[in-house]
Each structure stands twice: as C-alpha cells, then as structure tokens.
C-alpha cells in the first residue's frame, strides 16, 4: 500500500532532501579542504592558559561604577 503524497508533502520532502544534501556536501568540503581542528592539532598546556581569560581593567571598572543602580 503506497500512500499518494499531496503536492505540499512532496515539496516538504524535496526541501528535506535538499538540506540533507547540502549538509553532506558541506561536511565533505570541510574534510576535503585538509584543515584540521585547532584543538586537535595544537594542544595547549595549563601554563599557557594561566594569563588568559577575564581580566578587569580600568575601563571595565569605570563601566561597573557607572552601571550601578
């Protein structure tokens, strides 16, 4: 028993097929480019992370002062 699809259902399934194909093509293009992920190729030691991150500077403190309610 095959169910006939209405034109609307055919359009939806056509869009889904297109989006699936676009996703596969995008993934294939990323793999074919030969670029590796930064996290996989450049491991970062704990010492390199010690100085990075949030640092409160003078202009940040000024903003906090003016933003107080």
N, C-alpha and C. Protein backbone atom coordinates (compact mmCIF):
# COMPACT_ATOMS: atom_id res chain seq x y z
N UNK A 1 0.82 -1.17 0.00
CA UNK A 1 0.00 0.00 0.00
C UNK A 1 0.87 1.24 0.00
N UNK A 2 0.86 1.94 -1.06
CA UNK A 2 1.61 3.19 -1.08
C UNK A 2 0.65 4.35 -0.99
N UNK A 3 0.99 5.27 -0.18
CA UNK A 3 0.15 6.44 0.04
C UNK A 3 0.58 7.52 -0.93
N UNK A 4 -0.37 8.12 -1.61
CA UNK A 4 -0.04 9.21 -2.52
C UNK A 4 0.26 10.46 -1.70
N UNK A 5 1.29 11.16 -2.10
CA UNK A 5 1.66 12.38 -1.41
C UNK A 5 0.99 13.58 -2.07
N UNK A 6 0.55 14.50 -1.24
CA UNK A 6 -0.02 15.72 -1.78
C UNK A 6 1.14 16.60 -2.29
N UNK A 7 0.85 17.58 -3.12
CA UNK A 7 1.92 18.47 -3.60
C UNK A 7 2.69 19.14 -2.46
N UNK A 8 1.99 19.47 -1.37
CA UNK A 8 2.65 20.10 -0.23
C UNK A 8 3.65 19.14 0.41
N UNK A 9 3.25 17.87 0.59
CA UNK A 9 4.14 16.88 1.18
C UNK A 9 5.34 16.63 0.28
N UNK A 10 5.13 16.62 -1.03
CA UNK A 10 6.25 16.43 -1.96
C UNK A 10 7.23 17.58 -1.84
N UNK A 11 6.71 18.80 -1.68
CA UNK A 11 7.56 19.98 -1.56
C UNK A 11 8.39 19.91 -0.28
N UNK A 12 7.76 19.48 0.83
CA UNK A 12 8.47 19.37 2.11
C UNK A 12 9.56 18.31 2.02
N UNK A 13 9.24 17.16 1.42
CA UNK A 13 10.25 16.11 1.33
C UNK A 13 11.37 16.52 0.37
N UNK A 14 11.05 17.30 -0.65
CA UNK A 14 12.07 17.81 -1.56
C UNK A 14 13.01 18.77 -0.85
N UNK A 15 12.45 19.61 0.01
CA UNK A 15 13.27 20.55 0.79
C UNK A 15 14.17 19.79 1.75
N UNK A 16 13.63 18.78 2.38
CA UNK A 16 14.43 17.98 3.32
C UNK A 16 15.59 17.30 2.61
N UNK A 17 15.32 16.75 1.46
CA UNK A 17 16.37 16.09 0.69
C UNK A 17 17.45 17.10 0.29
N UNK A 18 17.02 18.30 -0.10
CA UNK A 18 17.97 19.33 -0.48
C UNK A 18 18.85 19.72 0.71
N UNK A 19 18.23 19.92 1.88
CA UNK A 19 19.00 20.32 3.06
C UNK A 19 19.95 19.22 3.52
N UNK A 20 19.50 17.97 3.43
CA UNK A 20 20.38 16.86 3.77
C UNK A 20 21.58 16.82 2.83
N UNK A 21 21.32 17.00 1.54
CA UNK A 21 22.40 17.01 0.56
C UNK A 21 23.36 18.16 0.78
N UNK A 22 22.83 19.33 1.15
CA UNK A 22 23.68 20.49 1.41
C UNK A 22 24.56 20.24 2.63
N UNK A 23 24.00 19.61 3.65
CA UNK A 23 24.78 19.32 4.86
C UNK A 23 25.90 18.32 4.56
N UNK A 24 25.58 17.31 3.78
CA UNK A 24 26.59 16.31 3.42
C UNK A 24 27.68 16.96 2.56
N UNK A 25 27.28 17.80 1.62
CA UNK A 25 28.25 18.46 0.75
C UNK A 25 29.14 19.40 1.56
N UNK A 26 28.57 20.09 2.53
CA UNK A 26 29.36 20.98 3.38
C UNK A 26 30.38 20.21 4.21
N UNK A 27 29.96 19.09 4.76
CA UNK A 27 30.88 18.25 5.53
C UNK A 27 31.99 17.68 4.67
N UNK A 28 31.62 17.27 3.46
CA UNK A 28 32.62 16.72 2.54
C UNK A 28 33.62 17.80 2.13
N UNK A 29 33.12 19.01 1.92
CA UNK A 29 34.02 20.11 1.55
C UNK A 29 34.99 20.43 2.68
N UNK A 30 34.50 20.37 3.91
CA UNK A 30 35.37 20.64 5.06
C UNK A 30 36.45 19.57 5.18
N UNK A 31 36.08 18.33 4.95
CA UNK A 31 37.07 17.25 5.03
C UNK A 31 38.06 17.34 3.88
N UNK A 32 37.58 17.70 2.71
CA UNK A 32 38.45 17.76 1.54
C UNK A 32 39.43 18.93 1.61
N UNK A 33 39.10 19.95 2.39
CA UNK A 33 39.99 21.11 2.46
C UNK A 33 41.30 20.77 3.17
N UNK A 34 41.29 19.72 3.95
CA UNK A 34 42.52 19.28 4.59
C UNK A 34 42.88 20.04 5.85
N UNK A 35 42.01 20.90 6.32
CA UNK A 35 42.30 21.65 7.54
C UNK A 35 41.89 20.83 8.73
N UNK A 36 42.75 20.87 9.73
CA UNK A 36 42.46 20.14 10.96
C UNK A 36 41.91 21.10 11.99
N UNK A 37 41.21 20.58 12.95
CA UNK A 37 40.70 21.41 14.03
C UNK A 37 41.86 21.90 14.88
N UNK A 38 41.78 23.10 15.38
CA UNK A 38 42.86 23.69 16.16
C UNK A 38 43.06 22.91 17.45
N UNK A 39 41.99 22.51 18.08
CA UNK A 39 42.11 21.78 19.34
C UNK A 39 42.82 20.44 19.14
N UNK A 40 42.61 19.81 18.01
CA UNK A 40 43.22 18.52 17.77
C UNK A 40 44.69 18.65 17.37
N UNK A 41 45.06 19.75 16.73
CA UNK A 41 46.42 19.86 16.24
C UNK A 41 47.35 20.63 17.17
N UNK A 42 46.80 21.51 17.99
CA UNK A 42 47.63 22.33 18.85
C UNK A 42 47.18 22.22 20.31
N UNK A 43 47.65 21.19 21.01
CA UNK A 43 47.26 21.08 22.40
C UNK A 43 47.86 22.24 23.20
N UNK A 44 47.08 22.79 24.11
CA UNK A 44 47.52 23.93 24.92
C UNK A 44 47.84 23.43 26.31
N UNK A 45 49.00 23.82 26.82
CA UNK A 45 49.38 23.41 28.16
C UNK A 45 48.66 24.28 29.19
N UNK A 46 48.64 23.84 30.42
CA UNK A 46 47.99 24.58 31.50
C UNK A 46 48.66 25.91 31.76
N UNK A 47 49.99 26.02 31.54
CA UNK A 47 50.70 27.27 31.78
C UNK A 47 50.28 28.35 30.79
N UNK A 48 49.95 27.98 29.59
CA UNK A 48 49.56 28.96 28.57
C UNK A 48 48.20 29.57 28.90
N UNK A 49 47.37 28.84 29.65
CA UNK A 49 46.04 29.35 29.99
C UNK A 49 46.05 30.21 31.24
N UNK A 50 47.14 30.23 31.99
CA UNK A 50 47.18 30.93 33.27
C UNK A 50 46.92 32.42 33.12
N UNK A 51 47.43 33.08 32.08
CA UNK A 51 47.27 34.52 31.93
C UNK A 51 46.10 34.91 31.07
N UNK A 52 45.42 33.96 30.46
CA UNK A 52 44.31 34.32 29.58
C UNK A 52 43.00 34.28 30.35
N UNK A 53 41.99 34.85 29.76
CA UNK A 53 40.68 34.85 30.39
C UNK A 53 40.27 36.25 30.79
N UNK A 54 39.30 36.33 31.66
CA UNK A 54 38.75 37.62 32.07
C UNK A 54 39.76 38.38 32.91
N UNK A 55 40.00 39.61 32.51
CA UNK A 55 40.88 40.49 33.27
C UNK A 55 40.19 41.83 33.42
N UNK A 56 39.98 42.26 34.66
CA UNK A 56 39.31 43.52 34.91
C UNK A 56 40.31 44.66 34.77
N UNK A 57 40.07 45.53 33.81
CA UNK A 57 40.97 46.65 33.57
C UNK A 57 40.29 47.95 34.02
N UNK A 58 40.98 49.06 33.85
CA UNK A 58 40.47 50.35 34.30
C UNK A 58 39.15 50.73 33.64
N UNK A 59 39.06 50.56 32.35
CA UNK A 59 37.80 50.95 31.69
C UNK A 59 36.66 50.03 32.07
N UNK A 60 36.96 48.80 32.41
CA UNK A 60 35.91 47.88 32.88
C UNK A 60 35.43 48.34 34.26
N UNK A 61 36.35 48.70 35.14
CA UNK A 61 35.96 49.19 36.47
C UNK A 61 35.13 50.47 36.35
N UNK A 62 35.49 51.36 35.43
CA UNK A 62 34.71 52.59 35.20
C UNK A 62 33.29 52.25 34.76
N UNK A 63 33.18 51.28 33.88
CA UNK A 63 31.85 50.86 33.41
C UNK A 63 31.03 50.32 34.58
N UNK A 64 31.64 49.49 35.41
CA UNK A 64 30.92 48.93 36.55
C UNK A 64 30.43 50.04 37.48
N UNK A 65 31.23 51.08 37.68
CA UNK A 65 30.85 52.19 38.53
C UNK A 65 29.64 52.93 37.97
N UNK A 66 29.62 53.15 36.65
CA UNK A 66 28.51 53.89 36.04
C UNK A 66 27.27 53.03 35.86
N UNK A 67 27.41 51.71 35.84
CA UNK A 67 26.28 50.82 35.62
C UNK A 67 25.55 50.46 36.91
N UNK A 68 26.09 50.85 38.05
CA UNK A 68 25.43 50.51 39.32
C UNK A 68 24.10 51.23 39.43
N UNK A 69 23.14 50.55 40.03
CA UNK A 69 21.81 51.16 40.23
C UNK A 69 21.66 51.66 41.63
